[in-house]
């Protein structure tokens, strides 16, 4: 299931489907943002990079 479909559900249903609260999910996204900012590579362009939200959802599934 994609994040766009899950973001509108209430907290209880979100946790039932993903196993984590929305607050914890937001913290996971912030950790990804921070790690991406530390590992910026300018030598090669990235052709297709998944969205942080999709990346986190796929790791939870």
N, C-alpha and C. Protein backbone atom coordinates (compact mmCIF):
# COMPACT_ATOMS: atom_id res chain seq x y z
N UNK A 1 0.84 -1.18 0.00
CA UNK A 1 0.00 0.00 0.00
C UNK A 1 0.89 1.24 0.00
N UNK A 2 0.47 2.23 -0.73
CA UNK A 2 1.25 3.45 -0.86
C UNK A 2 0.92 4.42 0.27
N UNK A 3 1.90 5.27 0.56
CA UNK A 3 1.74 6.24 1.64
C UNK A 3 0.59 7.20 1.36
N UNK A 4 0.38 7.57 0.11
CA UNK A 4 -0.71 8.50 -0.22
C UNK A 4 -2.05 7.95 0.24
N UNK A 5 -2.21 6.64 0.17
CA UNK A 5 -3.46 6.02 0.60
C UNK A 5 -3.57 5.94 2.11
N UNK A 6 -2.46 5.82 2.80
CA UNK A 6 -2.46 5.63 4.25
C UNK A 6 -2.50 6.92 5.05
N UNK A 7 -2.04 8.01 4.49
CA UNK A 7 -1.87 9.22 5.29
C UNK A 7 -3.19 9.81 5.78
N UNK A 8 -4.30 9.45 5.18
CA UNK A 8 -5.59 10.02 5.58
C UNK A 8 -6.32 9.18 6.62
N UNK A 9 -5.81 7.98 6.91
CA UNK A 9 -6.45 7.14 7.92
C UNK A 9 -6.13 7.64 9.32
N UNK A 10 -6.95 7.24 10.28
CA UNK A 10 -6.71 7.64 11.66
C UNK A 10 -5.51 6.86 12.21
N UNK A 11 -5.03 7.30 13.37
CA UNK A 11 -3.81 6.73 13.95
C UNK A 11 -3.92 5.24 14.23
N UNK A 12 -5.06 4.81 14.71
CA UNK A 12 -5.23 3.40 15.07
C UNK A 12 -5.16 2.50 13.84
N UNK A 13 -5.83 2.89 12.76
CA UNK A 13 -5.82 2.08 11.54
C UNK A 13 -4.45 2.13 10.88
N UNK A 14 -3.79 3.28 10.93
CA UNK A 14 -2.44 3.42 10.38
C UNK A 14 -1.49 2.45 11.08
N UNK A 15 -1.58 2.38 12.41
CA UNK A 15 -0.72 1.47 13.17
C UNK A 15 -1.06 0.02 12.88
N UNK A 16 -2.33 -0.28 12.69
CA UNK A 16 -2.75 -1.64 12.39
C UNK A 16 -2.15 -2.11 11.06
N UNK A 17 -2.09 -1.23 10.08
CA UNK A 17 -1.57 -1.60 8.76
C UNK A 17 -0.05 -1.60 8.69
N UNK A 18 0.60 -0.67 9.39
CA UNK A 18 2.05 -0.53 9.25
C UNK A 18 2.84 -1.07 10.42
N UNK A 19 2.24 -1.10 11.60
CA UNK A 19 2.95 -1.57 12.78
C UNK A 19 3.62 -0.46 13.57
N UNK A 20 3.53 0.77 13.09
CA UNK A 20 4.12 1.91 13.81
C UNK A 20 3.10 3.05 13.86
N UNK A 21 3.25 3.91 14.86
CA UNK A 21 2.40 5.10 14.96
C UNK A 21 2.80 6.12 13.91
N UNK A 22 1.90 7.06 13.65
CA UNK A 22 2.21 8.13 12.71
C UNK A 22 3.37 8.99 13.21
N UNK A 23 3.45 9.19 14.53
CA UNK A 23 4.55 9.98 15.10
C UNK A 23 5.89 9.30 14.86
N UNK A 24 5.94 8.00 15.08
CA UNK A 24 7.18 7.26 14.84
C UNK A 24 7.53 7.26 13.36
N UNK A 25 6.53 7.16 12.50
CA UNK A 25 6.76 7.21 11.07
C UNK A 25 7.36 8.56 10.67
N UNK A 26 6.85 9.63 11.26
CA UNK A 26 7.39 10.97 10.98
C UNK A 26 8.84 11.08 11.45
N UNK A 27 9.15 10.47 12.59
CA UNK A 27 10.53 10.47 13.08
C UNK A 27 11.44 9.68 12.13
N UNK A 28 10.93 8.58 11.59
CA UNK A 28 11.71 7.79 10.64
C UNK A 28 12.01 8.61 9.38
N UNK A 29 11.05 9.39 8.93
CA UNK A 29 11.25 10.25 7.76
C UNK A 29 12.31 11.30 8.06
N UNK A 30 12.29 11.87 9.26
CA UNK A 30 13.29 12.87 9.64
C UNK A 30 14.68 12.26 9.68
N UNK A 31 14.81 11.02 10.13
CA UNK A 31 16.11 10.35 10.14
C UNK A 31 16.60 10.15 8.72
N UNK A 32 15.71 9.76 7.80
CA UNK A 32 16.10 9.61 6.40
C UNK A 32 16.54 10.95 5.80
N UNK A 33 15.82 12.02 6.11
CA UNK A 33 16.21 13.35 5.62
C UNK A 33 17.61 13.72 6.09
N UNK A 34 17.87 13.46 7.37
CA UNK A 34 19.17 13.79 7.94
C UNK A 34 20.28 12.96 7.29
N UNK A 35 20.04 11.67 7.11
CA UNK A 35 21.08 10.82 6.52
C UNK A 35 21.32 11.19 5.06
N UNK A 36 20.27 11.58 4.34
CA UNK A 36 20.45 12.00 2.96
C UNK A 36 21.24 13.30 2.88
N UNK A 37 21.03 14.19 3.83
CA UNK A 37 21.77 15.45 3.81
C UNK A 37 23.25 15.23 4.10
N UNK A 38 23.58 14.18 4.85
CA UNK A 38 24.98 13.88 5.14
C UNK A 38 25.67 13.18 3.98
N UNK A 39 24.91 12.45 3.17
CA UNK A 39 25.49 11.63 2.11
C UNK A 39 25.22 12.17 0.72
N UNK A 40 25.23 13.46 0.56
CA UNK A 40 24.99 14.03 -0.76
C UNK A 40 26.18 13.77 -1.66
N UNK A 41 25.88 13.20 -2.82
CA UNK A 41 26.91 12.98 -3.83
C UNK A 41 26.58 13.86 -5.03
N UNK A 42 27.51 14.65 -5.43
CA UNK A 42 27.28 15.52 -6.58
C UNK A 42 27.95 15.00 -7.83
N UNK A 43 28.66 13.89 -7.74
CA UNK A 43 29.39 13.39 -8.90
C UNK A 43 28.48 12.74 -9.93
N UNK A 44 27.41 12.07 -9.49
CA UNK A 44 26.52 11.40 -10.43
C UNK A 44 25.08 11.86 -10.18
N UNK A 45 24.36 12.12 -11.24
CA UNK A 45 22.94 12.44 -11.04
C UNK A 45 22.16 11.17 -10.73
N UNK A 46 21.19 11.28 -9.88
CA UNK A 46 20.34 10.15 -9.55
C UNK A 46 19.15 10.16 -10.49
N UNK A 47 19.02 9.08 -11.27
CA UNK A 47 17.96 9.03 -12.28
C UNK A 47 16.60 8.82 -11.62
N UNK A 48 16.49 7.80 -10.79
CA UNK A 48 15.20 7.54 -10.13
C UNK A 48 15.47 7.18 -8.68
N UNK A 49 14.99 8.01 -7.81
CA UNK A 49 15.16 7.76 -6.38
C UNK A 49 13.77 7.74 -5.75
N UNK A 50 13.45 6.68 -5.01
CA UNK A 50 12.11 6.63 -4.42
C UNK A 50 11.91 7.70 -3.37
N UNK A 51 10.68 8.10 -3.22
CA UNK A 51 10.29 9.08 -2.22
C UNK A 51 10.60 8.54 -0.83
N UNK A 52 10.94 9.41 0.11
CA UNK A 52 11.25 8.97 1.48
C UNK A 52 10.09 8.21 2.10
N UNK A 53 8.89 8.69 1.85
CA UNK A 53 7.72 8.03 2.43
C UNK A 53 7.55 6.62 1.85
N UNK A 54 7.74 6.48 0.54
CA UNK A 54 7.63 5.16 -0.08
C UNK A 54 8.76 4.25 0.38
N UNK A 55 9.93 4.81 0.54
CA UNK A 55 11.08 4.04 1.00
C UNK A 55 10.83 3.50 2.41
N UNK A 56 10.28 4.32 3.27
CA UNK A 56 9.99 3.88 4.64
C UNK A 56 8.85 2.87 4.66
N UNK A 57 7.82 3.09 3.87
CA UNK A 57 6.71 2.15 3.82
C UNK A 57 7.16 0.79 3.32
N UNK A 58 8.02 0.76 2.29
CA UNK A 58 8.48 -0.52 1.77
C UNK A 58 9.36 -1.24 2.77
N UNK A 59 10.09 -0.51 3.60
CA UNK A 59 10.91 -1.18 4.61
C UNK A 59 10.05 -1.73 5.75
N UNK A 60 8.88 -1.15 5.97
CA UNK A 60 7.98 -1.64 7.01
C UNK A 60 7.19 -2.87 6.56
N UNK A 61 6.97 -3.00 5.26
CA UNK A 61 6.14 -4.11 4.75
C UNK A 61 6.89 -5.41 4.75
